[in-house]
Amino acid sequence: GMPLYQIYDYIRMLDAEGYPPAYISFGKY
């Protein structure tokens, strides 16, 4: 349900050394 622009902001705000990345759980991955 997150809109694309929010997903974009989520990814980019966590895209730096020392930050855990934005992610999606997908089965065992």
PDB file of all heavy atoms in Angstrom:
ATOM      1  N   GLY A   1       0.782  -1.226   0.000  1.00  0.00           N
ATOM      2  CA  GLY A   1       0.000   0.000   0.000  1.00  0.00           C
ATOM      3  C   GLY A   1       0.816   1.280   0.000  1.00  0.00           C
ATOM      4  O   GLY A   1       0.256   2.366  -0.114  1.00  0.00           O
ATOM      5  N   MET A   2       2.141   1.181   0.127  1.00  0.00           N
ATOM      6  CA  MET A   2       2.960   2.399   0.081  1.00  0.00           C
ATOM      7  C   MET A   2       2.968   2.925  -1.351  1.00  0.00           C
ATOM      8  O   MET A   2       3.199   2.157  -2.288  1.00  0.00           O
ATOM      9  CB  MET A   2       4.405   2.113   0.506  1.00  0.00           C
ATOM     10  CG  MET A   2       4.589   1.804   1.970  1.00  0.00           C
ATOM     11  SD  MET A   2       6.306   1.314   2.373  1.00  0.00           S
ATOM     12  CE  MET A   2       7.030   2.912   2.656  1.00  0.00           C
ATOM     13  N   PRO A   3       2.727   4.217  -1.550  1.00  0.00           N
ATOM     14  CA  PRO A   3       2.816   4.765  -2.907  1.00  0.00           C
ATOM     15  C   PRO A   3       4.269   4.757  -3.399  1.00  0.00           C
ATOM     16  O   PRO A   3       5.206   4.759  -2.583  1.00  0.00           O
ATOM     17  CB  PRO A   3       2.287   6.189  -2.764  1.00  0.00           C
ATOM     18  CG  PRO A   3       2.225   6.484  -1.316  1.00  0.00           C
ATOM     19  CD  PRO A   3       2.299   5.191  -0.562  1.00  0.00           C
ATOM     20  N   LEU A   4       4.447   4.745  -4.719  1.00  0.00           N
ATOM     21  CA  LEU A   4       5.794   4.646  -5.288  1.00  0.00           C
ATOM     22  C   LEU A   4       6.732   5.739  -4.795  1.00  0.00           C
ATOM     23  O   LEU A   4       7.894   5.475  -4.507  1.00  0.00           O
ATOM     24  CB  LEU A   4       5.734   4.683  -6.817  1.00  0.00           C
ATOM     25  CG  LEU A   4       5.332   3.391  -7.507  1.00  0.00           C
ATOM     26  CD1 LEU A   4       5.314   3.584  -9.015  1.00  0.00           C
ATOM     27  CD2 LEU A   4       6.272   2.259  -7.135  1.00  0.00           C
ATOM     28  N   TYR A   5       6.248   6.990  -4.706  1.00  0.00           N
ATOM     29  CA  TYR A   5       7.131   8.072  -4.279  1.00  0.00           C
ATOM     30  C   TYR A   5       7.608   7.848  -2.849  1.00  0.00           C
ATOM     31  O   TYR A   5       8.738   8.195  -2.490  1.00  0.00           O
ATOM     32  CB  TYR A   5       6.478   9.444  -4.426  1.00  0.00           C
ATOM     33  CG  TYR A   5       5.331   9.689  -3.469  1.00  0.00           C
ATOM     34  CD1 TYR A   5       5.560  10.187  -2.193  1.00  0.00           C
ATOM     35  CD2 TYR A   5       4.020   9.420  -3.838  1.00  0.00           C
ATOM     36  CE1 TYR A   5       4.521  10.396  -1.311  1.00  0.00           C
ATOM     37  CE2 TYR A   5       2.969   9.627  -2.962  1.00  0.00           C
ATOM     38  CZ  TYR A   5       3.227  10.124  -1.699  1.00  0.00           C
ATOM     39  OH  TYR A   5       2.191  10.330  -0.827  1.00  0.00           O
ATOM     40  N   GLN A   6       6.778   7.218  -2.010  1.00  0.00           N
ATOM     41  CA  GLN A   6       7.184   6.929  -0.630  1.00  0.00           C
ATOM     42  C   GLN A   6       8.207   5.795  -0.598  1.00  0.00           C
ATOM     43  O   GLN A   6       9.170   5.838   0.170  1.00  0.00           O
ATOM     44  CB  GLN A   6       5.974   6.575   0.232  1.00  0.00           C
ATOM     45  CG  GLN A   6       6.327   6.425   1.695  1.00  0.00           C
ATOM     46  CD  GLN A   6       5.112   6.110   2.565  1.00  0.00           C
ATOM     47  OE1 GLN A   6       4.019   5.904   2.078  1.00  0.00           O
ATOM     48  NE2 GLN A   6       5.323   6.068   3.857  1.00  0.00           N
ATOM     49  N   ILE A   7       8.017   4.793  -1.446  1.00  0.00           N
ATOM     50  CA  ILE A   7       9.003   3.707  -1.548  1.00  0.00           C
ATOM     51  C   ILE A   7      10.335   4.282  -2.021  1.00  0.00           C
ATOM     52  O   ILE A   7      11.396   3.942  -1.483  1.00  0.00           O
ATOM     53  CB  ILE A   7       8.507   2.585  -2.485  1.00  0.00           C
ATOM     54  CG1 ILE A   7       7.256   1.922  -1.900  1.00  0.00           C
ATOM     55  CG2 ILE A   7       9.613   1.553  -2.719  1.00  0.00           C
ATOM     56  CD1 ILE A   7       6.563   0.959  -2.850  1.00  0.00           C
ATOM     57  N   TYR A   8      10.278   5.176  -3.010  1.00  0.00           N
ATOM     58  CA  TYR A   8      11.494   5.834  -3.503  1.00  0.00           C
ATOM     59  C   TYR A   8      12.216   6.552  -2.363  1.00  0.00           C
ATOM     60  O   TYR A   8      13.425   6.378  -2.172  1.00  0.00           O
ATOM     61  CB  TYR A   8      11.132   6.820  -4.614  1.00  0.00           C
ATOM     62  CG  TYR A   8      12.231   7.786  -4.957  1.00  0.00           C
ATOM     63  CD1 TYR A   8      13.402   7.357  -5.568  1.00  0.00           C
ATOM     64  CD2 TYR A   8      12.102   9.145  -4.672  1.00  0.00           C
ATOM     65  CE1 TYR A   8      14.425   8.242  -5.882  1.00  0.00           C
ATOM     66  CE2 TYR A   8      13.112  10.039  -4.982  1.00  0.00           C
ATOM     67  CZ  TYR A   8      14.260   9.587  -5.585  1.00  0.00           C
ATOM     68  OH  TYR A   8      15.267  10.459  -5.889  1.00  0.00           O
ATOM     69  N   ASP A   9      11.482   7.359  -1.590  1.00  0.00           N
ATOM     70  CA  ASP A   9      12.090   8.074  -0.473  1.00  0.00           C
ATOM     71  C   ASP A   9      12.646   7.110   0.570  1.00  0.00           C
ATOM     72  O   ASP A   9      13.707   7.343   1.145  1.00  0.00           O
ATOM     73  CB  ASP A   9      11.090   9.029   0.179  1.00  0.00           C
ATOM     74  CG  ASP A   9      10.955  10.340  -0.580  1.00  0.00           C
ATOM     75  OD1 ASP A   9      11.842  10.656  -1.395  1.00  0.00           O
ATOM     76  OD2 ASP A   9       9.963  11.051  -0.335  1.00  0.00           O
ATOM     77  N   TYR A  10      11.940   6.025   0.814  1.00  0.00           N
ATOM     78  CA  TYR A  10      12.386   5.012   1.782  1.00  0.00           C
ATOM     79  C   TYR A  10      13.730   4.425   1.356  1.00  0.00           C
ATOM     80  O   TYR A  10      14.647   4.302   2.161  1.00  0.00           O
ATOM     81  CB  TYR A  10      11.328   3.908   1.835  1.00  0.00           C
ATOM     82  CG  TYR A  10      10.898   3.508   3.211  1.00  0.00           C
ATOM     83  CD1 TYR A  10      10.384   4.422   4.107  1.00  0.00           C
ATOM     84  CD2 TYR A  10      10.984   2.183   3.603  1.00  0.00           C
ATOM     85  CE1 TYR A  10       9.970   4.031   5.366  1.00  0.00           C
ATOM     86  CE2 TYR A  10      10.563   1.788   4.861  1.00  0.00           C
ATOM     87  CZ  TYR A  10      10.062   2.719   5.739  1.00  0.00           C
ATOM     88  OH  TYR A  10       9.660   2.326   6.977  1.00  0.00           O
ATOM     89  N   ILE A  11      13.824   4.053   0.085  1.00  0.00           N
ATOM     90  CA  ILE A  11      15.063   3.455  -0.415  1.00  0.00           C
ATOM     91  C   ILE A  11      16.207   4.455  -0.334  1.00  0.00           C
ATOM     92  O   ILE A  11      17.278   4.155   0.188  1.00  0.00           O
ATOM     93  CB  ILE A  11      14.893   2.931  -1.856  1.00  0.00           C
ATOM     94  CG1 ILE A  11      13.889   1.778  -1.877  1.00  0.00           C
ATOM     95  CG2 ILE A  11      16.242   2.497  -2.431  1.00  0.00           C
ATOM     96  CD1 ILE A  11      13.456   1.371  -3.281  1.00  0.00           C
ATOM     97  N   ARG A  12      15.990   5.656  -0.841  1.00  0.00           N
ATOM     98  CA  ARG A  12      17.088   6.628  -0.916  1.00  0.00           C
ATOM     99  C   ARG A  12      17.527   7.127   0.450  1.00  0.00           C
ATOM    100  O   ARG A  12      18.695   7.414   0.661  1.00  0.00           O
ATOM    101  CB  ARG A  12      16.750   7.774  -1.855  1.00  0.00           C
ATOM    102  CG  ARG A  12      15.751   8.755  -1.357  1.00  0.00           C
ATOM    103  CD  ARG A  12      15.373   9.789  -2.421  1.00  0.00           C
ATOM    104  NE  ARG A  12      14.589  10.843  -1.821  1.00  0.00           N
ATOM    105  CZ  ARG A  12      15.083  11.985  -1.372  1.00  0.00           C
ATOM    106  NH1 ARG A  12      16.374  12.223  -1.455  1.00  0.00           N
ATOM    107  NH2 ARG A  12      14.297  12.897  -0.837  1.00  0.00           N
ATOM    108  N   MET A  13      16.597   7.218   1.419  1.00  0.00           N
ATOM    109  CA  MET A  13      17.006   7.724   2.735  1.00  0.00           C
ATOM    110  C   MET A  13      17.821   6.686   3.503  1.00  0.00           C
ATOM    111  O   MET A  13      18.492   7.015   4.473  1.00  0.00           O
ATOM    112  CB  MET A  13      15.802   8.172   3.560  1.00  0.00           C
ATOM    113  CG  MET A  13      14.983   7.070   4.152  1.00  0.00           C
ATOM    114  SD  MET A  13      13.670   7.782   5.159  1.00  0.00           S
ATOM    115  CE  MET A  13      12.953   6.295   5.813  1.00  0.00           C
ATOM    116  N   LEU A  14      17.754   5.418   3.085  1.00  0.00           N
ATOM    117  CA  LEU A  14      18.521   4.362   3.749  1.00  0.00           C
ATOM    118  C   LEU A  14      19.725   3.917   2.926  1.00  0.00           C
ATOM    119  O   LEU A  14      20.426   2.991   3.298  1.00  0.00           O
ATOM    120  CB  LEU A  14      17.604   3.164   4.030  1.00  0.00           C
ATOM    121  CG  LEU A  14      16.447   3.460   4.980  1.00  0.00           C
ATOM    122  CD1 LEU A  14      15.494   2.276   5.055  1.00  0.00           C
ATOM    123  CD2 LEU A  14      16.949   3.848   6.351  1.00  0.00           C
ATOM    124  N   ASP A  15      19.959   4.585   1.800  1.00  0.00           N
ATOM    125  CA  ASP A  15      21.008   4.180   0.874  1.00  0.00           C
ATOM    126  C   ASP A  15      22.327   4.891   1.197  1.00  0.00           C
ATOM    127  O   ASP A  15      22.802   5.733   0.443  1.00  0.00           O
ATOM    128  CB  ASP A  15      20.565   4.472  -0.561  1.00  0.00           C
ATOM    129  CG  ASP A  15      21.423   3.757  -1.588  1.00  0.00           C
ATOM    130  OD1 ASP A  15      22.296   2.955  -1.196  1.00  0.00           O
ATOM    131  OD2 ASP A  15      21.223   4.003  -2.795  1.00  0.00           O
ATOM    132  N   ALA A  16      22.896   4.532   2.354  1.00  0.00           N
ATOM    133  CA  ALA A  16      24.185   5.088   2.767  1.00  0.00           C
ATOM    134  C   ALA A  16      24.868   4.086   3.685  1.00  0.00           C
ATOM    135  O   ALA A  16      24.210   3.290   4.351  1.00  0.00           O
ATOM    136  CB  ALA A  16      23.989   6.416   3.489  1.00  0.00           C
ATOM    137  N   GLU A  17      26.174   4.166   3.710  1.00  0.00           N
ATOM    138  CA  GLU A  17      26.950   3.270   4.568  1.00  0.00           C
ATOM    139  C   GLU A  17      26.505   3.424   6.024  1.00  0.00           C
ATOM    140  O   GLU A  17      26.292   4.532   6.516  1.00  0.00           O
ATOM    141  CB  GLU A  17      28.436   3.610   4.450  1.00  0.00           C
ATOM    142  CG  GLU A  17      29.331   2.656   5.185  1.00  0.00           C
ATOM    143  CD  GLU A  17      30.810   2.965   4.982  1.00  0.00           C
ATOM    144  OE1 GLU A  17      31.158   3.508   3.923  1.00  0.00           O
ATOM    145  OE2 GLU A  17      31.582   2.650   5.894  1.00  0.00           O
ATOM    146  N   GLY A  18      26.336   2.286   6.691  1.00  0.00           N
ATOM    147  CA  GLY A  18      25.959   2.306   8.092  1.00  0.00           C
ATOM    148  C   GLY A  18      24.461   2.253   8.336  1.00  0.00           C
ATOM    149  O   GLY A  18      24.024   2.135   9.469  1.00  0.00           O
ATOM    150  N   TYR A  19      23.666   2.351   7.288  1.00  0.00           N
ATOM    151  CA  TYR A  19      22.214   2.272   7.420  1.00  0.00           C
ATOM    152  C   TYR A  19      21.732   0.925   6.900  1.00  0.00           C
ATOM    153  O   TYR A  19      22.133   0.507   5.808  1.00  0.00           O
ATOM    154  CB  TYR A  19      21.525   3.375   6.604  1.00  0.00           C
ATOM    155  CG  TYR A  19      21.616   4.733   7.237  1.00  0.00           C
ATOM    156  CD1 TYR A  19      22.772   5.499   7.150  1.00  0.00           C
ATOM    157  CD2 TYR A  19      20.539   5.253   7.926  1.00  0.00           C
ATOM    158  CE1 TYR A  19      22.865   6.744   7.725  1.00  0.00           C
ATOM    159  CE2 TYR A  19      20.607   6.508   8.508  1.00  0.00           C
ATOM    160  CZ  TYR A  19      21.771   7.252   8.402  1.00  0.00           C
ATOM    161  OH  TYR A  19      21.845   8.485   8.982  1.00  0.00           O
ATOM    162  N   PRO A  20      20.845   0.257   7.638  1.00  0.00           N
ATOM    163  CA  PRO A  20      20.265  -0.970   7.093  1.00  0.00           C
ATOM    164  C   PRO A  20      19.370  -0.594   5.910  1.00  0.00           C
ATOM    165  O   PRO A  20      18.658   0.407   5.967  1.00  0.00           O
ATOM    166  CB  PRO A  20      19.465  -1.555   8.256  1.00  0.00           C
ATOM    167  CG  PRO A  20      19.314  -0.459   9.251  1.00  0.00           C
ATOM    168  CD  PRO A  20      20.370   0.566   8.973  1.00  0.00           C
ATOM    169  N   PRO A  21      19.414  -1.360   4.819  1.00  0.00           N
ATOM    170  CA  PRO A  21      18.689  -0.971   3.604  1.00  0.00           C
ATOM    171  C   PRO A  21      17.180  -1.159   3.704  1.00  0.00           C
ATOM    172  O   PRO A  21      16.679  -1.920   4.542  1.00  0.00           O
ATOM    173  CB  PRO A  21      19.273  -1.922   2.545  1.00  0.00           C
ATOM    174  CG  PRO A  21      19.667  -3.129   3.333  1.00  0.00           C
ATOM    175  CD  PRO A  21      20.143  -2.612   4.658  1.00  0.00           C
ATOM    176  N   ALA A  22      16.469  -0.463   2.814  1.00  0.00           N
ATOM    177  CA  ALA A  22      15.038  -0.717   2.649  1.00  0.00           C
ATOM    178  C   ALA A  22      14.909  -2.113   2.059  1.00  0.00           C
ATOM    179  O   ALA A  22      15.736  -2.542   1.242  1.00  0.00           O
ATOM    180  CB  ALA A  22      14.433   0.317   1.714  1.00  0.00           C
ATOM    181  N   TYR A  23      13.878  -2.844   2.471  1.00  0.00           N
ATOM    182  CA  TYR A  23      13.768  -4.230   2.022  1.00  0.00           C
ATOM    183  C   TYR A  23      12.312  -4.686   1.956  1.00  0.00           C
ATOM    184  O   TYR A  23      11.415  -4.057   2.512  1.00  0.00           O
ATOM    185  CB  TYR A  23      14.545  -5.161   2.953  1.00  0.00           C
ATOM    186  CG  TYR A  23      13.910  -5.300   4.319  1.00  0.00           C
ATOM    187  CD1 TYR A  23      12.995  -6.334   4.584  1.00  0.00           C
ATOM    188  CD2 TYR A  23      14.181  -4.409   5.340  1.00  0.00           C
ATOM    189  CE1 TYR A  23      12.392  -6.452   5.829  1.00  0.00           C
ATOM    190  CE2 TYR A  23      13.591  -4.530   6.585  1.00  0.00           C
ATOM    191  CZ  TYR A  23      12.695  -5.552   6.819  1.00  0.00           C
ATOM    192  OH  TYR A  23      12.095  -5.665   8.046  1.00  0.00           O
ATOM    193  N   ILE A  24      12.125  -5.810   1.282  1.00  0.00           N
ATOM    194  CA  ILE A  24      10.856  -6.534   1.245  1.00  0.00           C
ATOM    195  C   ILE A  24      11.163  -7.983   1.612  1.00  0.00           C
ATOM    196  O   ILE A  24      12.106  -8.576   1.084  1.00  0.00           O
ATOM    197  CB  ILE A  24      10.204  -6.490  -0.160  1.00  0.00           C
ATOM    198  CG1 ILE A  24       9.783  -5.063  -0.512  1.00  0.00           C
ATOM    199  CG2 ILE A  24       9.013  -7.441  -0.251  1.00  0.00           C
ATOM    200  CD1 ILE A  24       9.257  -4.911  -1.931  1.00  0.00           C
ATOM    201  N   SER A  25      10.371  -8.546   2.516  1.00  0.00           N
ATOM    202  CA  SER A  25      10.500  -9.973   2.834  1.00  0.00           C
ATOM    203  C   SER A  25       9.829 -10.763   1.724  1.00  0.00           C
ATOM    204  O   SER A  25       8.719 -10.441   1.302  1.00  0.00           O
ATOM    205  CB  SER A  25       9.829 -10.281   4.170  1.00  0.00           C
ATOM    206  OG  SER A  25      10.598  -9.750   5.215  1.00  0.00           O
ATOM    207  N   PHE A  26      10.513 -11.796   1.251  1.00  0.00           N
ATOM    208  CA  PHE A  26      10.000 -12.616   0.150  1.00  0.00           C
ATOM    209  C   PHE A  26      10.395 -14.060   0.418  1.00  0.00           C
ATOM    210  O   PHE A  26      11.499 -14.490   0.072  1.00  0.00           O
ATOM    211  CB  PHE A  26      10.577 -12.111  -1.176  1.00  0.00           C
ATOM    212  CG  PHE A  26      10.030 -12.806  -2.394  1.00  0.00           C
ATOM    213  CD1 PHE A  26       8.741 -12.575  -2.832  1.00  0.00           C
ATOM    214  CD2 PHE A  26      10.829 -13.686  -3.106  1.00  0.00           C
ATOM    215  CE1 PHE A  26       8.248 -13.209  -3.959  1.00  0.00           C
ATOM    216  CE2 PHE A  26      10.346 -14.331  -4.235  1.00  0.00           C
ATOM    217  CZ  PHE A  26       9.048 -14.093  -4.661  1.00  0.00           C
ATOM    218  N   GLY A  27       9.506 -14.779   1.108  1.00  0.00           N
ATOM    219  CA  GLY A  27       9.815 -16.168   1.447  1.00  0.00           C
ATOM    220  C   GLY A  27      11.052 -16.247   2.312  1.00  0.00           C
ATOM    221  O   GLY A  27      11.165 -15.556   3.315  1.00  0.00           O
ATOM    222  N   LYS A  28      12.014 -17.069   1.880  1.00  0.00           N
ATOM    223  CA  LYS A  28      13.242 -17.212   2.668  1.00  0.00           C
ATOM    224  C   LYS A  28      14.275 -16.134   2.331  1.00  0.00           C
ATOM    225  O   LYS A  28      15.390 -16.170   2.826  1.00  0.00           O
ATOM    226  CB  LYS A  28      13.836 -18.611   2.481  1.00  0.00           C
ATOM    227  CG  LYS A  28      14.403 -18.906   1.117  1.00  0.00           C
ATOM    228  CD  LYS A  28      15.008 -20.304   1.114  1.00  0.00           C
ATOM    229  CE  LYS A  28      15.833 -20.537  -0.140  1.00  0.00           C
ATOM    230  NZ  LYS A  28      16.579 -21.793  -0.074  1.00  0.00           N
ATOM    231  N   TYR A  29      13.873 -15.166   1.506  1.00  0.00           N
ATOM    232  CA  TYR A  29      14.789 -14.098   1.100  1.00  0.00           C
ATOM    233  C   TYR A  29      14.344 -12.735   1.613  1.00  0.00           C
ATOM    234  O   TYR A  29      13.175 -12.484   1.864  1.00  0.00           O
ATOM    235  CB  TYR A  29      14.896 -14.029  -0.425  1.00  0.00           C
ATOM    236  CG  TYR A  29      15.410 -15.292  -1.030  1.00  0.00           C
ATOM    237  CD1 TYR A  29      14.555 -16.186  -1.636  1.00  0.00           C
ATOM    238  CD2 TYR A  29      16.767 -15.612  -0.970  1.00  0.00           C
ATOM    239  CE1 TYR A  29      15.013 -17.369  -2.180  1.00  0.00           C
ATOM    240  CE2 TYR A  29      17.239 -16.804  -1.511  1.00  0.00           C
ATOM    241  CZ  TYR A  29      16.362 -17.673  -2.119  1.00  0.00           C
ATOM    242  OH  TYR A  29      16.820 -18.848  -2.650  1.00  0.00           O
TER     243      TYR A  29
END
